[in-house]
Amino acid sequence: MKRKIKLVSIDGDGCLFAYTNIGSQFHSSWDALGFAYGFKEVWDERGKTYYKDKDANKKWALEDSADMKGLHSHQAHKVLYPIPYSPGVVDFLTATKGKLVRGLLSGCIDMVGKKAAEDHSMDFCFCNTLHRENDIFLGTCDYAVPTWEKHTFIPQLCQKFGVTPEEICHVGDHENDISCFEQVGLAVAFNPKKEEVGRKAHHIIRDFAELNQILGI
C-alpha cells in the first residue's frame, strides 16, 4: 500500500551509524565510548545483566556514565570519529533535505547523535547526553531516551511537526524499535539484528539507497 510519508525517524546505534570494529553486538556509540577507555569487559557484563530488564535500563546508563567521571572526552574522539555511517546514509540525508522531516530517535550518546544531526541538518535529535565540563566527564547523564521507550516520542513528533503517526516512517534495527514500528505508518528494518525485527517491519533494507526508492525520493 502506498503511504504518504512526511517524517522519517531513524535509530542511531547500529542503524544510522554502526561501530562494527569494537566487538559490540549492538554496534553502539555507548560501547564505542567504553571501548575507548578500556571499560569494554565491565560494560559488556553490565549489559548482559541489564539489557532484558526493562526497569533497570536507566540504572545501566547511570552506572556507565559514573565510570566516566573525571576522564577527558578527547580520548574518545579517536574511536567515535569519524562517525561510521551505514551504507547510503549520507546520500539519503542529502537527498531528503527540505523534502521530508527527518531526524534521530535513538538511545545513542550525544557526542555522536548531536554531531550527526548537526552535520547533516537533521530536523530533530532525541538522544542521551553525557554531562561534561571543560571536556571532562562529570559522571552523570540526561537519560532522555530510555532503551525501551522510544515509542513515547512519536506523539511529540506528531505534535511538533503537524503529522499523523501514519505519515511517519521509522527506521530501526533492534528489538527496542518494534514498539515504534507498531505506531507508525511505515516500518523499515535496517540490517535487523533479530528475526523478529524483520518480521515486524514492512521493509528490510541493507543500504539507505533502498529507502530512497521505498519513499520515492
N, C-alpha and C. Protein backbone atom coordinates (compact mmCIF):
# COMPACT_ATOMS: atom_id res chain seq x y z
N MET A 1 0.84 -1.20 0.00
CA MET A 1 0.00 0.00 0.00
C MET A 1 0.88 1.25 0.00
N LYS A 2 0.57 2.20 -0.86
CA LYS A 2 1.32 3.44 -0.97
C LYS A 2 0.99 4.33 0.22
N ARG A 3 2.02 4.77 0.93
CA ARG A 3 1.83 5.65 2.07
C ARG A 3 2.47 7.00 1.78
N LYS A 4 1.80 8.08 2.17
CA LYS A 4 2.37 9.41 2.04
C LYS A 4 3.16 9.70 3.31
N ILE A 5 4.46 9.54 3.23
CA ILE A 5 5.32 9.74 4.39
C ILE A 5 5.85 11.17 4.40
N LYS A 6 5.72 11.83 5.54
CA LYS A 6 6.19 13.20 5.68
C LYS A 6 7.38 13.32 6.63
N LEU A 7 7.55 12.33 7.50
CA LEU A 7 8.60 12.39 8.52
C LEU A 7 9.28 11.04 8.64
N VAL A 8 10.60 11.04 8.74
CA VAL A 8 11.37 9.82 8.93
C VAL A 8 12.17 9.93 10.22
N SER A 9 11.89 9.04 11.16
CA SER A 9 12.69 8.97 12.39
C SER A 9 13.64 7.78 12.26
N ILE A 10 14.90 8.00 12.60
CA ILE A 10 15.93 6.99 12.37
C ILE A 10 16.63 6.67 13.68
N ASP A 11 16.75 5.40 13.98
CA ASP A 11 17.55 4.95 15.11
C ASP A 11 19.02 5.25 14.81
N GLY A 12 19.80 5.43 15.87
CA GLY A 12 21.21 5.74 15.68
C GLY A 12 22.09 4.51 15.69
N ASP A 13 22.32 3.95 16.88
CA ASP A 13 23.25 2.85 17.05
C ASP A 13 22.87 1.63 16.25
N GLY A 14 23.76 1.19 15.37
CA GLY A 14 23.52 0.02 14.55
C GLY A 14 22.66 0.28 13.34
N CYS A 15 22.24 1.53 13.17
CA CYS A 15 21.32 1.86 12.08
C CYS A 15 21.86 3.04 11.27
N LEU A 16 21.69 4.26 11.77
CA LEU A 16 22.26 5.41 11.07
C LEU A 16 23.78 5.30 11.01
N PHE A 17 24.35 4.81 12.11
CA PHE A 17 25.79 4.57 12.18
C PHE A 17 26.02 3.27 12.94
N ALA A 18 27.16 2.65 12.70
CA ALA A 18 27.43 1.34 13.30
C ALA A 18 28.91 1.19 13.60
N TYR A 19 29.22 1.01 14.89
CA TYR A 19 30.60 0.77 15.30
C TYR A 19 30.85 -0.74 15.27
N THR A 20 31.29 -1.19 14.12
CA THR A 20 31.40 -2.63 13.87
C THR A 20 32.76 -3.21 14.24
N ASN A 21 33.70 -2.37 14.62
CA ASN A 21 35.07 -2.85 14.85
C ASN A 21 35.49 -2.87 16.32
N ILE A 22 34.50 -2.87 17.23
CA ILE A 22 34.84 -2.80 18.66
C ILE A 22 34.32 -4.01 19.43
N GLY A 23 33.82 -5.00 18.71
CA GLY A 23 33.32 -6.20 19.37
C GLY A 23 32.01 -6.00 20.11
N SER A 24 31.17 -5.12 19.59
CA SER A 24 29.89 -4.81 20.23
C SER A 24 28.74 -5.46 19.46
N GLN A 25 27.88 -6.19 20.16
CA GLN A 25 26.73 -6.80 19.48
C GLN A 25 25.72 -5.75 19.04
N PHE A 26 25.74 -4.58 19.67
CA PHE A 26 24.80 -3.51 19.33
C PHE A 26 25.40 -2.50 18.37
N HIS A 27 26.72 -2.59 18.11
CA HIS A 27 27.41 -1.64 17.24
C HIS A 27 27.19 -0.20 17.73
N SER A 28 27.13 -0.02 19.04
CA SER A 28 26.63 1.23 19.60
C SER A 28 27.70 2.24 19.97
N SER A 29 27.27 3.50 20.03
CA SER A 29 28.15 4.59 20.44
C SER A 29 28.51 4.47 21.92
N TRP A 30 27.59 3.96 22.73
CA TRP A 30 27.90 3.70 24.14
C TRP A 30 29.05 2.70 24.24
N ASP A 31 28.95 1.62 23.50
CA ASP A 31 30.00 0.60 23.55
C ASP A 31 31.32 1.13 22.99
N ALA A 32 31.24 1.98 21.97
CA ALA A 32 32.45 2.59 21.43
C ALA A 32 33.12 3.47 22.47
N LEU A 33 32.31 4.17 23.25
CA LEU A 33 32.85 5.01 24.31
C LEU A 33 33.56 4.15 25.36
N GLY A 34 32.90 3.09 25.80
CA GLY A 34 33.52 2.20 26.78
C GLY A 34 34.81 1.59 26.25
N PHE A 35 34.80 1.22 24.99
CA PHE A 35 35.99 0.65 24.35
C PHE A 35 37.15 1.64 24.39
N ALA A 36 36.85 2.92 24.17
CA ALA A 36 37.89 3.95 24.12
C ALA A 36 38.62 4.11 25.45
N TYR A 37 37.93 3.79 26.55
CA TYR A 37 38.52 3.99 27.87
C TYR A 37 38.84 2.68 28.60
N GLY A 38 38.78 1.58 27.89
CA GLY A 38 39.14 0.30 28.49
C GLY A 38 38.07 -0.32 29.38
N PHE A 39 36.82 0.08 29.20
CA PHE A 39 35.73 -0.44 30.01
C PHE A 39 34.96 -1.57 29.33
N LYS A 40 35.43 -2.06 28.20
CA LYS A 40 34.65 -3.00 27.41
C LYS A 40 34.16 -4.20 28.21
N GLU A 41 35.03 -4.90 28.90
CA GLU A 41 34.63 -6.11 29.62
C GLU A 41 33.62 -5.79 30.71
N VAL A 42 33.87 -4.72 31.46
CA VAL A 42 32.95 -4.33 32.54
C VAL A 42 31.59 -3.95 31.97
N TRP A 43 31.59 -3.17 30.89
CA TRP A 43 30.32 -2.73 30.31
C TRP A 43 29.59 -3.87 29.63
N ASP A 44 30.33 -4.81 29.03
CA ASP A 44 29.68 -5.97 28.41
C ASP A 44 28.94 -6.79 29.47
N GLU A 45 29.57 -7.01 30.61
CA GLU A 45 28.94 -7.77 31.68
C GLU A 45 27.72 -7.03 32.23
N ARG A 46 27.85 -5.73 32.35
CA ARG A 46 26.72 -4.93 32.84
C ARG A 46 25.56 -5.00 31.85
N GLY A 47 25.89 -4.99 30.56
CA GLY A 47 24.85 -5.09 29.53
C GLY A 47 24.10 -6.40 29.60
N LYS A 48 24.82 -7.49 29.85
CA LYS A 48 24.17 -8.79 29.98
C LYS A 48 23.19 -8.81 31.14
N THR A 49 23.52 -8.09 32.18
CA THR A 49 22.68 -8.04 33.38
C THR A 49 21.43 -7.19 33.16
N TYR A 50 21.60 -6.05 32.47
CA TYR A 50 20.53 -5.07 32.43
C TYR A 50 19.70 -5.04 31.15
N TYR A 51 20.20 -5.59 30.06
CA TYR A 51 19.52 -5.38 28.77
C TYR A 51 18.06 -5.82 28.77
N LYS A 52 17.79 -6.99 29.27
CA LYS A 52 16.42 -7.51 29.23
C LYS A 52 15.54 -7.01 30.37
N ASP A 53 16.15 -6.37 31.36
CA ASP A 53 15.39 -5.84 32.49
C ASP A 53 14.94 -4.43 32.16
N LYS A 54 13.74 -4.30 31.68
CA LYS A 54 13.26 -3.01 31.20
C LYS A 54 13.15 -1.97 32.30
N ASP A 55 13.10 -2.41 33.54
CA ASP A 55 13.02 -1.48 34.66
C ASP A 55 14.39 -1.02 35.12
N ALA A 56 15.45 -1.64 34.61
CA ALA A 56 16.80 -1.34 35.08
C ALA A 56 17.65 -0.63 34.05
N ASN A 57 17.08 -0.32 32.87
CA ASN A 57 17.94 0.25 31.82
C ASN A 57 18.46 1.64 32.18
N LYS A 58 17.71 2.40 33.01
CA LYS A 58 18.23 3.69 33.46
C LYS A 58 19.45 3.49 34.36
N LYS A 59 19.37 2.49 35.23
CA LYS A 59 20.49 2.18 36.11
C LYS A 59 21.73 1.83 35.29
N TRP A 60 21.52 1.11 34.21
CA TRP A 60 22.60 0.73 33.29
C TRP A 60 23.29 1.98 32.75
N ALA A 61 22.52 2.92 32.26
CA ALA A 61 23.09 4.15 31.71
C ALA A 61 23.80 4.97 32.78
N LEU A 62 23.21 5.05 33.95
CA LEU A 62 23.82 5.86 35.01
C LEU A 62 25.12 5.24 35.51
N GLU A 63 25.19 3.92 35.58
CA GLU A 63 26.42 3.27 36.03
C GLU A 63 27.53 3.42 34.99
N ASP A 64 27.18 3.29 33.72
CA ASP A 64 28.18 3.53 32.67
C ASP A 64 28.68 4.97 32.73
N SER A 65 27.76 5.90 32.91
CA SER A 65 28.15 7.31 32.98
C SER A 65 29.06 7.58 34.17
N ALA A 66 28.77 6.95 35.29
CA ALA A 66 29.58 7.15 36.50
C ALA A 66 31.02 6.69 36.29
N ASP A 67 31.21 5.65 35.49
CA ASP A 67 32.58 5.18 35.20
C ASP A 67 33.41 6.24 34.49
N MET A 68 32.75 7.17 33.81
CA MET A 68 33.46 8.17 33.01
C MET A 68 33.91 9.38 33.82
N LYS A 69 33.51 9.46 35.06
CA LYS A 69 33.76 10.67 35.86
C LYS A 69 35.26 10.99 35.91
N GLY A 70 35.55 12.25 35.59
CA GLY A 70 36.92 12.74 35.68
C GLY A 70 37.77 12.48 34.45
N LEU A 71 37.25 11.75 33.47
CA LEU A 71 38.02 11.42 32.27
C LEU A 71 37.85 12.51 31.21
N HIS A 72 38.89 12.72 30.43
CA HIS A 72 38.87 13.75 29.39
C HIS A 72 38.18 13.19 28.15
N SER A 73 37.27 13.96 27.60
CA SER A 73 36.47 13.48 26.47
C SER A 73 37.28 13.32 25.18
N HIS A 74 38.41 13.99 25.09
CA HIS A 74 39.18 13.92 23.85
C HIS A 74 39.67 12.51 23.54
N GLN A 75 39.85 11.70 24.57
CA GLN A 75 40.32 10.34 24.34
C GLN A 75 39.32 9.54 23.51
N ALA A 76 38.06 9.90 23.61
CA ALA A 76 37.02 9.18 22.88
C ALA A 76 37.00 9.51 21.39
N HIS A 77 37.54 10.65 21.03
CA HIS A 77 37.41 11.12 19.65
C HIS A 77 38.01 10.16 18.64
N LYS A 78 39.13 9.53 18.99
CA LYS A 78 39.80 8.66 18.02
C LYS A 78 38.99 7.39 17.74
N VAL A 79 38.05 7.06 18.62
CA VAL A 79 37.18 5.90 18.40
C VAL A 79 35.83 6.32 17.83
N LEU A 80 35.28 7.42 18.32
CA LEU A 80 33.95 7.86 17.89
C LEU A 80 33.95 8.49 16.50
N TYR A 81 35.06 9.15 16.14
CA TYR A 81 35.11 9.89 14.88
C TYR A 81 36.20 9.35 13.95
N PRO A 82 36.00 9.47 12.65
CA PRO A 82 34.77 9.95 12.01
C PRO A 82 33.61 8.99 12.27
N ILE A 83 32.42 9.52 12.33
CA ILE A 83 31.24 8.70 12.58
C ILE A 83 31.10 7.66 11.47
N PRO A 84 30.98 6.38 11.82
CA PRO A 84 30.89 5.33 10.80
C PRO A 84 29.46 5.17 10.28
N TYR A 85 29.07 6.02 9.36
CA TYR A 85 27.71 5.98 8.83
C TYR A 85 27.47 4.69 8.06
N SER A 86 26.27 4.20 8.13
CA SER A 86 25.89 3.00 7.40
C SER A 86 25.79 3.31 5.91
N PRO A 87 25.84 2.27 5.07
CA PRO A 87 25.81 2.49 3.62
C PRO A 87 24.59 3.30 3.17
N GLY A 88 24.85 4.31 2.38
CA GLY A 88 23.78 5.11 1.80
C GLY A 88 23.23 6.22 2.67
N VAL A 89 23.66 6.30 3.93
CA VAL A 89 23.09 7.27 4.87
C VAL A 89 23.32 8.71 4.41
N VAL A 90 24.55 9.05 4.11
CA VAL A 90 24.87 10.43 3.76
C VAL A 90 24.10 10.87 2.52
N ASP A 91 24.04 10.02 1.52
CA ASP A 91 23.29 10.36 0.31
C ASP A 91 21.80 10.50 0.60
N PHE A 92 21.28 9.63 1.47
CA PHE A 92 19.86 9.71 1.83
C PHE A 92 19.55 11.03 2.52
N LEU A 93 20.36 11.41 3.49
CA LEU A 93 20.11 12.65 4.23
C LEU A 93 20.25 13.87 3.32
N THR A 94 21.15 13.80 2.36
CA THR A 94 21.32 14.90 1.41
C THR A 94 20.11 14.99 0.48
N ALA A 95 19.65 13.85 -0.01
CA ALA A 95 18.55 13.82 -0.97
C ALA A 95 17.23 14.24 -0.35
N THR A 96 17.06 14.01 0.95
CA THR A 96 15.77 14.30 1.60
C THR A 96 15.70 15.66 2.25
N LYS A 97 16.81 16.39 2.29
CA LYS A 97 16.82 17.70 2.93
C LYS A 97 15.81 18.62 2.25
N GLY A 98 14.90 19.15 3.05
CA GLY A 98 13.87 20.04 2.53
C GLY A 98 12.68 19.34 1.93
N LYS A 99 12.76 18.03 1.75
CA LYS A 99 11.66 17.27 1.16
C LYS A 99 10.87 16.51 2.23
N LEU A 100 11.58 16.06 3.25
CA LEU A 100 10.96 15.33 4.36
C LEU A 100 11.52 15.88 5.66
N VAL A 101 10.73 15.79 6.71
CA VAL A 101 11.26 16.00 8.06
C VAL A 101 12.01 14.72 8.41
N ARG A 102 13.26 14.84 8.81
CA ARG A 102 13.99 13.64 9.19
C ARG A 102 14.92 13.94 10.35
N GLY A 103 15.05 12.95 11.22
CA GLY A 103 15.85 13.16 12.40
C GLY A 103 16.16 11.87 13.12
N LEU A 104 16.82 12.03 14.26
CA LEU A 104 17.34 10.91 15.03
C LEU A 104 16.46 10.65 16.25
N LEU A 105 16.07 9.40 16.43
CA LEU A 105 15.34 8.96 17.62
C LEU A 105 16.08 7.75 18.16
N SER A 106 16.95 7.99 19.14
CA SER A 106 17.93 6.97 19.50
C SER A 106 18.39 7.09 20.94
N GLY A 107 18.78 5.96 21.50
CA GLY A 107 19.40 5.95 22.82
C GLY A 107 20.89 6.19 22.77
N CYS A 108 21.40 6.63 21.64
CA CYS A 108 22.84 6.84 21.48
C CYS A 108 23.32 8.01 22.34
N ILE A 109 24.64 8.19 22.41
CA ILE A 109 25.19 9.31 23.16
C ILE A 109 25.24 10.56 22.29
N ASP A 110 25.15 11.70 22.95
CA ASP A 110 25.09 12.98 22.24
C ASP A 110 26.34 13.29 21.44
N MET A 111 27.50 12.80 21.89
CA MET A 111 28.75 13.09 21.18
C MET A 111 28.71 12.59 19.75
N VAL A 112 27.87 11.59 19.51
CA VAL A 112 27.69 11.06 18.16
C VAL A 112 26.37 11.54 17.57
N GLY A 113 25.29 11.37 18.31
CA GLY A 113 23.98 11.71 17.78
C GLY A 113 23.82 13.17 17.41
N LYS A 114 24.21 14.07 18.31
CA LYS A 114 24.04 15.50 18.03
C LYS A 114 24.99 15.98 16.93
N LYS A 115 26.16 15.39 16.88
CA LYS A 115 27.09 15.76 15.80
C LYS A 115 26.54 15.32 14.45
N ALA A 116 26.00 14.08 14.40
CA ALA A 116 25.42 13.60 13.15
C ALA A 116 24.26 14.49 12.71
N ALA A 117 23.41 14.86 13.68
CA ALA A 117 22.26 15.71 13.36
C ALA A 117 22.70 17.08 12.85
N GLU A 118 23.72 17.64 13.48
CA GLU A 118 24.21 18.95 13.06
C GLU A 118 24.90 18.88 11.71
N ASP A 119 25.74 17.87 11.53
CA ASP A 119 26.50 17.76 10.28
C ASP A 119 25.60 17.57 9.07
N HIS A 120 24.42 16.97 9.27
CA HIS A 120 23.55 16.66 8.14
C HIS A 120 22.20 17.38 8.21
N SER A 121 22.17 18.47 8.96
CA SER A 121 20.99 19.35 9.00
C SER A 121 19.70 18.59 9.27
N MET A 122 19.74 17.67 10.24
CA MET A 122 18.52 16.96 10.60
C MET A 122 17.56 17.91 11.32
N ASP A 123 16.29 17.58 11.28
CA ASP A 123 15.27 18.46 11.82
C ASP A 123 15.01 18.22 13.31
N PHE A 124 15.41 17.08 13.82
CA PHE A 124 15.27 16.81 15.26
C PHE A 124 16.31 15.78 15.67
N CYS A 125 16.60 15.77 16.97
CA CYS A 125 17.56 14.81 17.50
C CYS A 125 17.20 14.49 18.94
N PHE A 126 16.71 13.30 19.17
CA PHE A 126 16.45 12.81 20.51
C PHE A 126 17.51 11.75 20.83
N CYS A 127 18.34 12.03 21.85
CA CYS A 127 19.38 11.09 22.26
C CYS A 127 19.73 11.36 23.72
N ASN A 128 20.72 10.65 24.24
CA ASN A 128 21.12 10.79 25.63
C ASN A 128 22.40 11.62 25.74
N THR A 129 22.44 12.50 26.74
CA THR A 129 23.53 13.45 26.88
C THR A 129 24.41 13.11 28.08
N LEU A 130 25.70 12.94 27.83
CA LEU A 130 26.68 12.76 28.89
C LEU A 130 27.18 14.14 29.33
N HIS A 131 27.05 14.43 30.62
CA HIS A 131 27.44 15.75 31.10
C HIS A 131 28.95 15.92 31.11
N ARG A 132 29.39 17.07 30.59
CA ARG A 132 30.81 17.39 30.54
C ARG A 132 31.01 18.85 30.91
N GLU A 133 32.16 19.12 31.49
CA GLU A 133 32.54 20.49 31.80
C GLU A 133 34.01 20.65 31.46
N ASN A 134 34.32 21.61 30.60
CA ASN A 134 35.69 21.79 30.11
C ASN A 134 36.26 20.49 29.56
N ASP A 135 35.40 19.76 28.83
CA ASP A 135 35.77 18.50 28.17
C ASP A 135 36.05 17.35 29.15
N ILE A 136 35.67 17.52 30.40
CA ILE A 136 35.82 16.46 31.40
C ILE A 136 34.44 15.89 31.72
N PHE A 137 34.32 14.57 31.68
CA PHE A 137 33.05 13.93 32.02
C PHE A 137 32.76 14.10 33.51
N LEU A 138 31.52 14.44 33.82
CA LEU A 138 31.11 14.66 35.20
C LEU A 138 30.57 13.40 35.86
N GLY A 139 30.39 12.34 35.08
CA GLY A 139 29.91 11.09 35.65
C GLY A 139 28.41 10.99 35.75
N THR A 140 27.70 11.90 35.08
CA THR A 140 26.24 11.91 35.10
C THR A 140 25.73 12.06 33.66
N CYS A 141 24.45 11.83 33.49
CA CYS A 141 23.87 11.98 32.15
C CYS A 141 22.40 12.32 32.23
N ASP A 142 21.90 12.89 31.14
CA ASP A 142 20.45 13.04 30.95
C ASP A 142 20.00 11.81 30.18
N TYR A 143 19.31 10.91 30.87
CA TYR A 143 18.85 9.69 30.22
C TYR A 143 17.49 9.99 29.60
N ALA A 144 17.52 10.74 28.50
CA ALA A 144 16.31 11.28 27.90
C ALA A 144 15.55 10.27 27.05
N VAL A 145 16.27 9.30 26.48
CA VAL A 145 15.64 8.32 25.59
C VAL A 145 15.89 6.92 26.14
N PRO A 146 15.02 6.47 27.03
CA PRO A 146 15.17 5.12 27.60
C PRO A 146 15.14 4.05 26.51
N THR A 147 15.92 3.01 26.72
CA THR A 147 16.09 1.95 25.72
C THR A 147 14.77 1.43 25.18
N TRP A 148 13.82 1.19 26.07
CA TRP A 148 12.57 0.53 25.66
C TRP A 148 11.39 1.48 25.53
N GLU A 149 11.65 2.80 25.49
CA GLU A 149 10.54 3.75 25.47
C GLU A 149 10.64 4.76 24.34
N LYS A 150 11.32 4.39 23.27
CA LYS A 150 11.45 5.32 22.15
C LYS A 150 10.09 5.67 21.54
N HIS A 151 9.16 4.72 21.60
CA HIS A 151 7.84 4.94 21.01
C HIS A 151 7.10 6.12 21.67
N THR A 152 7.48 6.48 22.90
CA THR A 152 6.79 7.58 23.58
C THR A 152 7.08 8.93 22.93
N PHE A 153 8.06 8.97 22.02
CA PHE A 153 8.37 10.22 21.33
C PHE A 153 7.54 10.42 20.08
N ILE A 154 6.85 9.38 19.63
CA ILE A 154 6.03 9.51 18.42
C ILE A 154 4.97 10.60 18.56
N PRO A 155 4.20 10.64 19.66
CA PRO A 155 3.22 11.74 19.80
C PRO A 155 3.87 13.12 19.80
N GLN A 156 5.07 13.22 20.38
CA GLN A 156 5.78 14.51 20.38
C GLN A 156 6.13 14.94 18.96
N LEU A 157 6.58 13.98 18.16
CA LEU A 157 6.91 14.29 16.77
C LEU A 157 5.67 14.73 16.00
N CYS A 158 4.56 14.05 16.26
CA CYS A 158 3.31 14.41 15.59
C CYS A 158 2.90 15.83 15.93
N GLN A 159 2.97 16.16 17.20
CA GLN A 159 2.56 17.49 17.63
C GLN A 159 3.50 18.57 17.11
N LYS A 160 4.79 18.33 17.19
CA LYS A 160 5.78 19.34 16.81
C LYS A 160 5.76 19.63 15.32
N PHE A 161 5.58 18.57 14.51
CA PHE A 161 5.72 18.74 13.06
C PHE A 161 4.39 18.64 12.31
N GLY A 162 3.29 18.51 13.05
CA GLY A 162 1.98 18.53 12.42
C GLY A 162 1.72 17.35 11.50
N VAL A 163 2.16 16.16 11.93
CA VAL A 163 1.93 14.95 11.14
C VAL A 163 1.13 13.95 11.96
N THR A 164 0.63 12.94 11.30
CA THR A 164 -0.05 11.85 11.98
C THR A 164 0.91 10.67 12.07
N PRO A 165 0.67 9.71 12.97
CA PRO A 165 1.53 8.52 13.04
C PRO A 165 1.63 7.80 11.71
N GLU A 166 0.54 7.80 10.94
CA GLU A 166 0.52 7.12 9.65
C GLU A 166 1.45 7.78 8.63
N GLU A 167 1.81 9.03 8.88
CA GLU A 167 2.68 9.76 7.97
C GLU A 167 4.16 9.69 8.38
N ILE A 168 4.44 8.83 9.38
CA ILE A 168 5.81 8.67 9.88
C ILE A 168 6.38 7.34 9.42
N CYS A 169 7.64 7.37 9.00
CA CYS A 169 8.42 6.16 8.75
C CYS A 169 9.48 6.08 9.85
N HIS A 170 9.55 4.94 10.52
CA HIS A 170 10.62 4.73 11.49
C HIS A 170 11.57 3.67 10.96
N VAL A 171 12.86 3.97 11.04
CA VAL A 171 13.90 3.04 10.61
C VAL A 171 14.67 2.58 11.83
N GLY A 172 14.71 1.27 12.07
CA GLY A 172 15.41 0.74 13.22
C GLY A 172 16.01 -0.62 12.94
N ASP A 173 16.77 -1.11 13.90
CA ASP A 173 17.48 -2.37 13.66
C ASP A 173 17.32 -3.40 14.77
N HIS A 174 16.78 -2.99 15.93
CA HIS A 174 16.79 -3.91 17.07
C HIS A 174 15.42 -3.99 17.73
N GLU A 175 15.35 -4.84 18.75
CA GLU A 175 14.07 -5.13 19.41
C GLU A 175 13.39 -3.90 19.97
N ASN A 176 14.18 -2.95 20.43
CA ASN A 176 13.56 -1.77 21.03
C ASN A 176 12.99 -0.79 20.00
N ASP A 177 13.11 -1.14 18.72
CA ASP A 177 12.45 -0.35 17.68
C ASP A 177 11.06 -0.89 17.34
N ILE A 178 10.75 -2.09 17.79
CA ILE A 178 9.48 -2.71 17.44
C ILE A 178 8.30 -1.89 17.94
N SER A 179 8.40 -1.33 19.13
CA SER A 179 7.29 -0.53 19.66
C SER A 179 7.05 0.71 18.80
N CYS A 180 8.10 1.24 18.17
CA CYS A 180 7.93 2.34 17.22
C CYS A 180 7.27 1.84 15.94
N PHE A 181 7.73 0.68 15.47
CA PHE A 181 7.13 0.08 14.27
C PHE A 181 5.62 -0.06 14.40
N GLU A 182 5.17 -0.40 15.60
CA GLU A 182 3.75 -0.67 15.82
C GLU A 182 2.90 0.60 15.82
N GLN A 183 3.53 1.76 15.90
CA GLN A 183 2.78 3.01 15.96
C GLN A 183 2.76 3.79 14.66
N VAL A 184 3.72 3.53 13.77
CA VAL A 184 3.88 4.39 12.60
C VAL A 184 3.30 3.76 11.33
N GLY A 185 3.20 4.58 10.29
CA GLY A 185 2.62 4.11 9.03
C GLY A 185 3.56 3.23 8.22
N LEU A 186 4.86 3.44 8.37
CA LEU A 186 5.83 2.68 7.59
C LEU A 186 7.00 2.28 8.48
N ALA A 187 7.20 0.98 8.65
CA ALA A 187 8.26 0.44 9.49
C ALA A 187 9.33 -0.18 8.60
N VAL A 188 10.57 0.29 8.76
CA VAL A 188 11.68 -0.20 7.94
C VAL A 188 12.79 -0.71 8.84
N ALA A 189 13.15 -1.96 8.65
CA ALA A 189 14.24 -2.57 9.43
C ALA A 189 15.52 -2.50 8.62
N PHE A 190 16.52 -1.81 9.18
CA PHE A 190 17.82 -1.76 8.54
C PHE A 190 18.71 -2.86 9.14
N ASN A 191 19.14 -3.78 8.29
CA ASN A 191 20.05 -4.84 8.74
C ASN A 191 19.61 -5.38 10.11
N PRO A 192 18.39 -5.90 10.22
CA PRO A 192 17.83 -6.26 11.53
C PRO A 192 18.69 -7.27 12.28
N LYS A 193 18.87 -7.00 13.59
CA LYS A 193 19.73 -7.83 14.42
C LYS A 193 19.00 -9.05 14.96
N LYS A 194 17.69 -9.04 14.92
CA LYS A 194 16.87 -10.17 15.36
C LYS A 194 15.82 -10.45 14.29
N GLU A 195 15.48 -11.72 14.10
CA GLU A 195 14.49 -12.06 13.08
C GLU A 195 13.15 -11.38 13.34
N GLU A 196 12.78 -11.24 14.60
CA GLU A 196 11.50 -10.62 14.94
C GLU A 196 11.43 -9.18 14.44
N VAL A 197 12.56 -8.48 14.45
CA VAL A 197 12.58 -7.10 13.99
C VAL A 197 12.21 -7.05 12.51
N GLY A 198 12.79 -7.94 11.74
CA GLY A 198 12.46 -8.00 10.32
C GLY A 198 11.01 -8.37 10.07
N ARG A 199 10.49 -9.28 10.87
CA ARG A 199 9.08 -9.71 10.70
C ARG A 199 8.10 -8.59 10.99
N LYS A 200 8.46 -7.71 11.91
CA LYS A 200 7.56 -6.63 12.30
C LYS A 200 7.61 -5.44 11.33
N ALA A 201 8.58 -5.44 10.44
CA ALA A 201 8.76 -4.32 9.52
C ALA A 201 8.01 -4.53 8.22
N HIS A 202 7.69 -3.43 7.55
CA HIS A 202 7.10 -3.51 6.21
C HIS A 202 8.17 -3.79 5.16
N HIS A 203 9.39 -3.30 5.43
CA HIS A 203 10.50 -3.49 4.50
C HIS A 203 11.77 -3.78 5.29
N ILE A 204 12.68 -4.53 4.70
CA ILE A 204 14.03 -4.74 5.22
C ILE A 204 15.01 -4.17 4.21
N ILE A 205 15.93 -3.36 4.69
CA ILE A 205 16.93 -2.77 3.79
C ILE A 205 18.33 -3.05 4.33
N ARG A 206 19.29 -3.03 3.43
CA ARG A 206 20.70 -3.18 3.81
C ARG A 206 21.51 -1.94 3.44
N ASP A 207 20.87 -1.02 2.74
CA ASP A 207 21.52 0.20 2.27
C ASP A 207 20.44 1.28 2.24
N PHE A 208 20.76 2.47 2.73
CA PHE A 208 19.75 3.53 2.78
C PHE A 208 19.32 4.00 1.39
N ALA A 209 20.07 3.61 0.36
CA ALA A 209 19.63 3.91 -1.01
C ALA A 209 18.30 3.22 -1.29
N GLU A 210 18.09 2.08 -0.66
CA GLU A 210 16.82 1.36 -0.81
C GLU A 210 15.67 2.16 -0.20
N LEU A 211 15.95 2.92 0.86
CA LEU A 211 14.91 3.72 1.49
C LEU A 211 14.48 4.86 0.56
N ASN A 212 15.42 5.43 -0.16
CA ASN A 212 15.07 6.43 -1.17
C ASN A 212 14.03 5.89 -2.13
N GLN A 213 14.23 4.65 -2.56
CA GLN A 213 13.33 4.03 -3.52
C GLN A 213 11.96 3.77 -2.90
N ILE A 214 11.96 3.28 -1.66
CA ILE A 214 10.71 2.99 -0.97
C ILE A 214 9.87 4.27 -0.81
N LEU A 215 10.54 5.37 -0.50
CA LEU A 215 9.86 6.62 -0.26
C LEU A 215 9.62 7.44 -1.53
N GLY A 216 10.20 6.96 -2.64
CA GLY A 216 10.02 7.66 -3.90
C GLY A 216 10.78 8.97 -3.99
N ILE A 217 11.96 9.01 -3.32
CA ILE A 217 12.74 10.26 -3.33
C ILE A 217 13.62 10.31 -4.58
